[in-house]
Protein backbone atom coordinates (compact mmCIF):
# COMPACT_ATOMS: atom_id res chain seq x y z
CA MET A 1 -11.73 -26.74 10.80
CA LEU A 2 -12.25 -27.50 7.08
CA LYS A 3 -12.72 -23.79 6.37
CA SER A 4 -9.52 -22.98 8.23
CA ALA A 5 -7.60 -25.64 6.29
CA LEU A 6 -8.93 -24.32 2.96
CA GLN A 7 -7.98 -20.74 3.86
CA SER A 8 -4.53 -21.89 4.89
CA TRP A 9 -4.14 -23.63 1.51
CA VAL A 10 -5.45 -20.68 -0.56
CA TRP A 11 -3.38 -18.03 1.27
CA SER A 12 -0.20 -20.10 1.47
CA GLY A 13 2.81 -17.94 0.61
CA ILE A 14 0.78 -14.70 0.69
CA ASN A 15 0.73 -11.95 3.29
CA LYS A 16 -2.73 -12.16 4.90
CA ALA A 17 -2.85 -8.36 5.11
CA SER A 18 -2.79 -8.24 1.30
CA SER A 19 -6.03 -7.06 -0.34
CA GLU A 20 -5.13 -8.40 -3.79
CA ASN A 21 -7.68 -10.79 -5.26
CA VAL A 22 -5.96 -11.22 -8.63
CA ASN A 23 -2.77 -12.50 -7.06
CA PRO A 24 -0.89 -15.09 -9.17
CA THR A 25 0.23 -17.03 -6.09
CA ARG A 26 -3.29 -17.18 -4.69
CA ILE A 27 -4.73 -18.27 -8.06
CA THR A 28 -2.05 -20.96 -8.37
CA ASN A 29 -3.10 -22.36 -4.98
CA ILE A 30 -6.78 -22.25 -5.94
CA ILE A 31 -6.27 -23.98 -9.30
CA ALA A 32 -4.19 -26.73 -7.67
CA LEU A 33 -7.03 -27.28 -5.19
CA LEU A 34 -9.64 -27.30 -7.98
CA CYS A 35 -7.62 -29.84 -9.97
CA ILE A 36 -7.50 -32.16 -6.96
CA SER A 37 -11.25 -31.70 -6.38
CA VAL A 38 -12.18 -32.40 -10.03
CA SER A 39 -9.91 -35.46 -10.11
CA SER A 40 -11.56 -36.75 -6.93
CA LEU A 41 -15.00 -36.34 -8.48
CA HIS A 42 -13.80 -38.55 -11.33
CA LEU A 43 -12.97 -41.40 -8.95
CA PRO A 44 -16.43 -43.14 -8.96
CA ILE A 45 -16.30 -43.46 -12.77
CA VAL A 46 -12.74 -44.80 -12.59
CA LEU A 47 -13.70 -47.39 -9.97
CA TYR A 48 -16.70 -48.47 -12.04
CA PHE A 49 -14.40 -49.33 -14.95
CA VAL A 50 -11.72 -50.79 -12.71
CA SER A 51 -11.71 -54.05 -14.66
CA GLN A 52 -10.52 -52.25 -17.78
CA THR A 53 -8.18 -49.26 -17.42
CA GLY A 54 -9.44 -48.31 -13.97
CA TYR A 55 -6.27 -49.29 -12.07
CA GLN A 56 -4.07 -47.20 -14.31
CA GLU A 57 -6.38 -44.16 -14.11
CA LEU A 58 -6.73 -44.55 -10.36
CA LEU A 59 -2.95 -44.58 -9.99
CA LEU A 60 -2.70 -41.52 -12.27
CA ILE A 61 -5.23 -39.59 -10.17
CA ILE A 62 -3.52 -40.49 -6.89
CA ILE A 63 -0.05 -39.52 -8.16
CA SER A 64 -1.30 -36.24 -9.73
CA ALA A 65 -3.28 -35.22 -6.64
CA SER A 66 -0.32 -36.04 -4.39
CA LEU A 67 2.02 -33.93 -6.53
CA LEU A 68 -0.44 -31.01 -6.56
CA THR A 69 -0.39 -30.89 -2.76
CA LEU A 70 3.20 -29.64 -3.09
CA ILE A 71 2.00 -26.37 -4.73
CA PRO A 72 1.09 -24.49 -1.50
CA ILE A 73 4.26 -25.85 0.15
CA LEU A 74 6.41 -24.39 -2.64
CA ASN A 75 4.57 -21.07 -2.36
CA ARG A 76 5.09 -21.04 1.38
CA LEU A 77 8.81 -21.52 0.70
CA LYS A 78 8.65 -18.47 -1.65
CA ALA A 79 9.41 -20.67 -4.69
CA TYR A 80 6.64 -18.95 -6.63
CA LEU A 81 7.87 -19.54 -10.18
CA MET A 82 8.71 -23.17 -9.43
CA SER A 83 5.19 -23.76 -8.07
CA LYS A 84 3.62 -22.36 -11.27
CA LEU A 85 5.83 -24.45 -13.53
CA PHE A 86 5.16 -27.52 -11.37
CA LEU A 87 1.39 -26.95 -11.68
CA VAL A 88 1.65 -26.50 -15.44
CA ILE A 89 3.73 -29.67 -15.90
CA VAL A 90 1.58 -31.86 -13.62
CA PHE A 91 -1.64 -30.69 -15.31
CA ALA A 92 -0.24 -31.18 -18.84
CA THR A 93 1.15 -34.62 -17.94
CA TYR A 94 -2.19 -35.72 -16.44
CA ILE A 95 -4.17 -34.74 -19.57
CA LEU A 96 -1.51 -36.13 -21.89
CA ILE A 97 -1.40 -39.56 -20.20
CA SER A 98 -5.23 -39.66 -20.00
CA CYS A 99 -5.49 -39.10 -23.76
CA LEU A 100 -2.83 -41.70 -24.54
CA MET A 101 -4.32 -44.19 -22.12
CA ARG A 102 -7.77 -44.05 -23.75
CA GLN A 103 -6.43 -43.76 -27.31
CA GLU A 104 -9.78 -42.52 -28.49
CA ASN A 105 -11.37 -39.12 -28.89
CA LEU A 106 -13.22 -38.54 -25.62
CA ASN A 107 -12.57 -34.76 -25.81
CA ILE A 108 -10.19 -34.93 -22.84
CA GLN A 109 -7.78 -32.79 -24.88
CA TYR A 110 -10.16 -29.82 -24.50
CA PHE A 111 -8.75 -29.37 -21.00
CA PHE A 112 -5.63 -28.03 -22.72
CA LEU A 113 -7.74 -25.12 -23.98
CA LEU A 114 -9.01 -24.50 -20.46
CA ALA A 115 -5.38 -24.14 -19.42
CA VAL A 116 -4.79 -21.73 -22.33
CA VAL A 117 -7.48 -19.39 -20.95
CA ILE A 118 -6.35 -19.71 -17.31
CA CYS A 119 -2.60 -19.21 -17.88
CA PRO A 120 -2.73 -15.36 -18.02
CA PHE A 121 -3.93 -15.30 -14.40
CA LEU A 122 -0.97 -17.35 -13.15
CA PHE A 123 1.95 -15.23 -14.29
CA LYS A 124 3.09 -11.70 -13.54
CA GLU A 125 3.80 -9.12 -16.21
CA ALA A 126 7.55 -9.76 -15.94
CA GLU A 127 6.87 -13.44 -16.74
CA SER A 128 4.80 -12.75 -19.87
CA GLY A 129 7.38 -14.41 -22.17
CA LEU A 130 7.23 -17.65 -20.19
CA MET A 131 3.43 -17.44 -20.06
CA PHE A 132 3.24 -17.10 -23.87
CA LEU A 133 5.53 -20.14 -24.33
CA ILE A 134 3.40 -22.29 -21.99
CA THR A 135 0.12 -21.10 -23.56
CA LEU A 136 1.43 -21.89 -27.04
CA SER A 137 2.56 -25.33 -25.85
CA TYR A 138 -0.94 -26.11 -24.54
CA PHE A 139 -2.42 -24.92 -27.84
CA LEU A 140 -0.07 -27.12 -29.87
CA LEU A 141 -0.80 -30.13 -27.65
CA PHE A 142 -4.52 -29.71 -28.29
CA VAL A 143 -4.05 -29.36 -32.05
CA SER A 144 -1.67 -32.36 -32.12
CA PHE A 145 -4.20 -34.61 -30.39
CA GLU A 146 -7.00 -33.41 -32.64
CA ILE A 147 -4.97 -34.31 -35.73
CA TRP A 148 -3.84 -37.62 -34.20
CA PHE A 149 -7.42 -38.62 -33.36
CA PHE A 150 -8.47 -37.56 -36.85
CA TYR A 151 -6.04 -39.98 -38.49
CA SER A 152 -6.09 -42.82 -35.94
CA SER A 153 -9.78 -43.15 -35.08
CA VAL A 154 -12.40 -44.91 -37.11
CA ASN A 155 -15.02 -42.32 -37.88
CA THR A 156 -18.51 -42.75 -39.34
CA LEU A 157 -18.53 -39.14 -40.52
CA SER A 158 -17.90 -38.31 -44.16
CA PHE A 159 -14.59 -36.81 -45.19
CA HIS A 160 -16.25 -33.40 -45.61
CA GLN A 161 -17.80 -33.61 -42.13
CA GLN A 162 -14.49 -34.63 -40.61
CA ILE A 163 -12.72 -31.63 -42.23
CA VAL A 164 -15.41 -29.31 -40.91
CA LYS A 165 -15.11 -30.88 -37.43
CA ILE A 166 -11.34 -30.54 -37.19
CA SER A 167 -11.37 -27.02 -38.66
CA CYS A 168 -13.96 -25.98 -36.06
CA SER A 169 -11.82 -27.50 -33.31
CA ILE A 170 -8.72 -25.64 -34.47
CA SER A 171 -10.72 -22.41 -34.90
CA PHE A 172 -12.01 -22.82 -31.37
CA ALA A 173 -8.45 -23.37 -30.14
CA LEU A 174 -7.29 -20.20 -31.95
CA SER A 175 -10.17 -18.30 -30.37
CA CYS A 176 -9.05 -19.48 -26.93
CA LEU A 177 -5.50 -18.42 -27.72
CA LEU A 178 -6.66 -14.94 -28.79
CA CYS A 179 -8.89 -14.68 -25.70
CA SER A 180 -5.90 -15.61 -23.58
CA TYR A 181 -3.85 -12.84 -25.20
CA HIS A 182 -6.56 -10.21 -24.65
CA ILE A 183 -7.21 -11.41 -21.10
CA ARG A 184 -3.50 -10.93 -20.40
CA ARG A 185 -3.54 -7.41 -21.85
CA ASN A 186 -6.62 -6.43 -19.86
CA ILE A 187 -5.23 -7.90 -16.65
CA ASN A 188 -1.99 -5.95 -17.08
CA ARG A 189 -3.86 -2.75 -17.88
CA ASN A 190 -6.18 -3.13 -14.89
CA LEU A 191 -3.33 -4.04 -12.55
CA GLN A 192 -1.41 -0.95 -13.67
CA LYS A 193 -4.47 1.24 -13.04
CA LEU A 194 -5.00 -0.45 -9.68
CA SER A 195 -1.35 0.08 -8.74
CA SER A 196 -1.54 3.72 -9.80
CA GLU A 197 -4.72 4.32 -7.79
CA ARG A 198 -3.25 2.50 -4.79
CA GLU A 199 -0.14 4.71 -4.90
CA ARG A 200 -2.34 7.79 -5.24
CA SER A 201 -4.55 6.83 -2.28
CA GLU A 202 -1.44 5.90 -0.29
CA GLN A 203 0.05 9.32 -0.99
CA LEU A 204 -3.19 11.04 0.02
CA LEU A 205 -3.21 9.04 3.25
CA LEU A 206 0.43 9.97 3.91
CA ASN A 207 -0.54 13.63 3.54
CA ILE A 208 -3.02 13.14 6.39
CA LEU A 209 -1.21 10.74 8.72
CA PRO A 210 2.42 9.91 9.58
CA ALA A 211 3.93 7.05 7.55
CA ASN A 212 4.36 4.60 10.45
CA ILE A 213 0.81 5.32 11.65
CA VAL A 214 -0.48 4.49 8.15
CA GLN A 215 1.35 1.15 8.29
CA ARG A 216 -0.16 0.39 11.70
CA LEU A 217 -3.65 1.21 10.43
CA LYS A 218 -3.18 -1.11 7.46
CA THR A 219 -1.95 -4.06 9.52
CA SER A 220 -4.09 -3.73 12.65
CA PRO A 221 -7.62 -2.50 13.40
CA ASN A 222 -6.70 -1.75 17.01
CA LEU A 223 -7.04 1.71 18.53
CA ILE A 224 -3.90 3.82 18.09
CA ALA A 225 -3.01 5.69 21.28
CA ASP A 226 0.63 6.21 22.35
CA TYR A 227 2.28 7.91 25.30
CA TYR A 228 5.37 10.09 24.76
CA GLU A 229 7.41 11.21 27.72
CA GLN A 230 9.02 14.24 26.06
CA VAL A 231 8.01 15.97 22.83
CA SER A 232 8.00 19.57 21.59
CA ILE A 233 4.97 21.36 20.18
CA LEU A 234 4.99 24.48 18.04
CA PHE A 235 1.99 26.71 17.35
CA ALA A 236 2.05 29.51 14.77
CA ASP A 237 -0.73 32.00 14.13
CA ILE A 238 -1.10 34.95 11.74
CA GLN A 239 -1.83 38.18 13.61
CA ASN A 240 -4.66 40.45 12.43
CA PHE A 241 -5.90 37.79 10.06
CA THR A 242 -9.62 38.63 10.49
CA PRO A 243 -9.30 42.16 9.02
CA LEU A 244 -7.36 40.55 6.14
CA CYS A 245 -10.41 38.40 5.34
CA LYS A 246 -12.44 41.57 4.69
CA ASN A 247 -9.84 43.19 2.44
CA LEU A 248 -9.10 40.20 0.18
CA SER A 249 -11.34 38.22 -2.14
CA PRO A 250 -11.93 34.55 -1.25
CA GLN A 251 -9.55 33.46 -4.03
CA GLN A 252 -6.82 35.87 -2.90
CA LEU A 253 -7.20 34.84 0.74
CA VAL A 254 -7.03 31.10 0.07
CA LYS A 255 -4.12 31.59 -2.33
CA LEU A 256 -2.20 33.56 0.34
CA LEU A 257 -2.89 30.98 3.07
CA ASN A 258 -1.89 28.18 0.71
CA GLU A 259 1.39 29.94 -0.10
CA VAL A 260 2.17 30.46 3.59
CA PHE A 261 1.26 26.94 4.70
CA CYS A 262 3.06 25.29 1.76
CA ALA A 263 6.20 27.19 2.78
CA PHE A 264 5.68 26.03 6.38
CA ASP A 265 5.17 22.43 5.15
CA HIS A 266 8.52 22.57 3.36
CA ILE A 267 10.29 23.81 6.51
CA THR A 268 8.55 21.19 8.67
CA HIS A 269 9.63 18.41 6.32
CA LYS A 270 13.15 19.84 6.16
CA TYR A 271 13.64 19.38 9.92
CA GLY A 272 11.85 16.03 10.12
CA LEU A 273 8.98 17.38 12.20
CA GLU A 274 5.38 16.22 12.06
CA LYS A 275 2.69 18.62 10.91
CA ILE A 276 -0.31 17.89 13.11
CA LYS A 277 -3.00 20.18 11.69
CA THR A 278 -4.05 23.63 10.55
CA SER A 279 -7.00 25.46 12.03
CA GLY A 280 -8.02 28.61 10.22
CA ASP A 281 -4.84 30.66 10.12
CA GLY A 282 -3.19 28.52 12.83
CA TYR A 283 -0.48 25.93 12.20
CA MET A 284 0.56 23.15 14.61
CA VAL A 285 3.80 21.14 14.45
CA ALA A 286 5.30 18.52 16.77
CA GLY A 287 8.79 17.12 17.22
CA GLY A 288 9.51 13.68 18.67
CA VAL A 289 6.24 12.10 17.46
CA PRO A 290 5.49 9.57 16.18
CA ILE A 291 9.22 8.87 15.75
CA ILE A 292 11.10 9.62 18.96
CA SER A 293 13.97 12.10 18.58
CA SER A 294 16.32 13.55 21.20
CA PHE A 295 16.62 16.75 19.12
CA HIS A 296 12.89 17.53 19.07
CA ALA A 297 13.21 20.90 20.86
CA ILE A 298 16.21 22.04 18.79
CA LYS A 299 14.41 21.13 15.57
CA CYS A 300 11.32 23.09 16.61
CA CYS A 301 13.43 26.17 17.36
CA HIS A 302 15.16 25.98 13.97
CA CYS A 303 11.76 25.52 12.36
CA ALA A 304 10.30 28.56 14.17
CA LEU A 305 13.14 30.85 13.05
CA ASP A 306 12.78 29.73 9.43
CA MET A 307 8.99 30.12 9.56
CA ARG A 308 9.32 33.67 10.86
CA ASN A 309 11.80 34.57 8.11
CA VAL A 310 9.76 33.09 5.29
CA PHE A 311 6.57 34.74 6.54
CA LYS A 312 8.26 38.14 6.50
CA LYS A 313 9.31 37.54 2.88
CA ILE A 314 5.75 36.58 1.87
CA CYS A 315 4.31 39.66 3.59
CA LYS A 316 6.87 41.88 1.84
CA LYS A 317 6.04 40.25 -1.49
CA HIS A 318 2.29 40.91 -1.08
CA GLN A 319 2.76 44.29 0.70
CA LEU A 320 1.07 43.06 3.89
CA HIS A 321 1.65 44.29 7.43
CA ASN A 322 0.62 41.17 9.33
CA GLY A 323 2.80 39.51 11.92
CA LEU A 324 3.36 35.90 12.96
CA ARG A 325 3.11 34.74 16.57
CA ILE A 326 4.91 31.50 17.43
CA GLY A 327 4.91 29.57 20.68
CA ILE A 328 6.88 26.46 21.63
CA GLY A 329 6.49 24.17 24.63
CA CYS A 330 7.50 20.64 25.57
CA GLY A 331 6.42 17.87 27.86
CA GLU A 332 4.55 14.58 27.95
CA VAL A 333 1.64 13.96 25.59
CA ILE A 334 -0.78 11.32 24.40
CA ALA A 335 -0.90 10.88 20.61
CA GLY A 336 -3.44 8.93 18.63
CA ILE A 337 -6.18 8.81 16.03
CA ILE A 338 -9.76 9.77 16.72
CA GLY A 339 -12.87 9.43 14.59
CA LYS A 340 -13.87 7.24 11.67
CA SER A 341 -14.98 9.96 9.29
CA LYS A 342 -12.32 12.56 8.43
CA PHE A 343 -10.10 11.08 11.16
CA SER A 344 -6.91 12.82 12.22
CA TYR A 345 -3.72 12.26 14.16
CA ASP A 346 -3.70 14.56 17.19
CA LEU A 347 -1.95 15.27 20.51
CA TRP A 348 -3.37 15.80 23.98
CA GLY A 349 -1.83 16.88 27.25
CA GLU A 350 -0.78 19.85 29.36
CA ALA A 351 2.27 20.39 27.12
CA VAL A 352 -0.06 21.02 24.16
CA ASN A 353 -2.08 23.58 26.13
CA LEU A 354 1.10 25.28 27.33
CA ALA A 355 2.52 25.57 23.80
CA SER A 356 -0.79 27.00 22.61
CA ARG A 357 -0.67 29.61 25.40
CA MET A 358 2.90 30.50 24.41
CA GLU A 359 1.55 31.45 20.99
CA SER A 360 -1.63 33.23 22.11
CA HIS A 361 0.22 35.22 24.83
CA GLY A 362 3.04 36.13 22.46
CA LEU A 363 3.75 39.21 20.38
CA SER A 364 3.86 39.90 16.65
CA ASN A 365 6.90 38.40 14.90
CA LYS A 366 8.12 36.97 18.21
CA ILE A 367 8.85 33.38 19.21
CA GLN A 368 7.93 32.68 22.82
CA VAL A 369 9.16 29.49 24.50
CA THR A 370 8.79 27.88 27.89
CA GLU A 371 11.61 27.61 30.42
CA SER A 372 11.96 23.89 29.68
CA ILE A 373 12.60 24.65 25.99
CA TYR A 374 15.12 27.32 27.00
CA LYS A 375 17.05 24.91 29.22
CA ILE A 376 17.22 22.23 26.50
CA THR A 377 18.29 24.55 23.67
CA LYS A 378 20.21 27.41 25.31
CA ASP A 379 23.53 26.09 23.97
CA TRP A 380 22.20 26.30 20.43
CA PHE A 381 20.23 29.55 20.41
CA GLN A 382 20.24 33.12 21.68
CA PHE A 383 17.35 33.98 24.03
CA ASP A 384 16.02 37.06 25.77
CA LYS A 385 14.26 36.53 29.06
CA ARG A 386 10.73 37.89 29.05
CA GLY A 387 9.97 37.11 32.67
CA SER A 388 6.89 35.69 34.33
CA ILE A 389 3.52 35.87 32.65
CA GLU A 390 0.17 34.69 33.90
CA VAL A 391 -1.27 31.89 31.83
CA LYS A 392 -4.90 30.96 32.23
CA GLY A 393 -5.28 27.63 33.95
CA LEU A 394 -1.51 27.29 34.52
CA GLY A 395 -0.67 30.28 36.74
CA TRP A 396 2.55 32.30 36.52
CA ILE A 397 5.33 30.80 34.42
CA ASN A 398 8.74 31.99 33.18
CA THR A 399 9.06 32.46 29.42
CA TYR A 400 11.78 33.46 26.95
CA TRP A 401 11.98 35.02 23.50
CA LEU A 402 13.86 32.95 20.94
CA VAL A 403 16.03 35.49 19.09
CA SER A 404 18.47 33.71 16.78
CA ARG A 405 20.87 30.82 16.33
CA LYS A 406 23.97 31.03 18.48
CA ASN A 407 27.40 31.40 16.87
CA ASN A 408 25.89 30.71 13.42
CA LEU A 409 25.45 27.03 14.22
CA GLY A 410 24.46 25.09 11.10
CA THR A 411 21.23 23.15 10.73
CA HIS A 412 22.39 20.48 8.28
CA VAL A 413 22.81 17.84 10.96
CA LEU A 414 19.17 18.13 11.91
CA THR A 415 17.58 18.16 8.49
CA LYS A 416 16.40 15.15 6.57
C-alpha cells in the first residue's frame, strides 16, 4: 500500500506509459517528497529543544510539509509551472526563516546551494530564463546570509581567517552556480539527442508496422489480433526474375529491386494502402487494414494499374523484358503481429490465399481479380472476363482481367 501511494505521488501528472526518467514534473514530485522526508527526520531534534525555539521550528516544519503536499495535486491538475514555482518558494521560505530564527551561522544557508544544483532538473528548455533567475536568486540568498553572519556573529577567528572563510564560501557558491549552468547545458544536449534518437527509432518502427499498431504496442503488451470482415489484398510478382539474377551483379540486382519497390511504396502510400511485406521479388499490399475503408477494393485496383505502368517504365529504362503479374482478391481476414524477434504485421485467411493464387495463375503484365472484386469495382473500371480457372485448394472460380479505368475517372478522391 505504501509503495502504491509513493508511486502515485511520484507519477502524479505524468502519463504512466511515459519512459522518461529525466522528466521535470516527476523530479518536482520527488524533490517535494524528499523535502517532507528530510523535514520529518529533523523533528526529534526540534522536539528535544522544544523549550527554546522548538515550537516555532515545529510549526515551520508542519506548515512547510503541508504546503509541499500540494505539489503532486498541482501537477495532477496540469499546473506544472505553478507547482515548480510553489516548490521553489516554499523551499526558499523554509530555509530563510530557519536562518533568521536561529540568527547564528549553523550552515543552514548551504541548502540554498543544493537548490542551485537541483534547479536545472526542474525546468524545461523553454523555461531556461526563469530557471536562471531562480538559480541566481538562490545564489544571492546564500551570499547575503554569509555576509550577514560575517558581520553579525562574534567570531574567534582572526580577521585574515574570516576573509579566507568567506571567500571560500563565495567561491564554493560560484562553483555551484557554474556546475548548475553546465548541468543545464548537458541536460539539454542529452535530451535533444534522446529526442532525435526516439524520433529515428519511431520512424524505423513506422516503416515496419502501421502507425495505429505502433501506438497499441507502446500502450499495451497484449497480443494484437484483429478480425476484418472485408478487405482487399494485392500480390505483385516479377516474372522471369530468376534468370535475371544470373545476368545481373548483386549490386545491380538489389539496386533494380530497390527502384521497383520504392516506386511501389510511393503508389501504395498515395492510395492510403498498407504495405504488408516483400518476399524475394514479390510485393504484398492490403486495403482496409488496419484502418477500415469502404473503398479498399477500388484503391487496390487503382494501385495495380499504376504499379503496372511504372514497372513498364522501369523495364524500358533498363532495357529489360520482364513482366509483372498482379492478383487481387477480397474477403475476411485475421490481422496481427507474430514473433518477438524481427516481428511483422501479417494477414491470414482464405482471402489471402485466393489473392495469391490470382497472382500466381495470372499472365505477364496482366491484373487478375476475383469475381467479388469485379462486382465491387465494375462501375469504376473496365474488365475483360477470363472465365473459370482451376485454383489449387479452391476449385473452379470465375476471374476477370482488370484493363483500365472507366470513363477516365479521376483518382484524387481516393489518394491521401
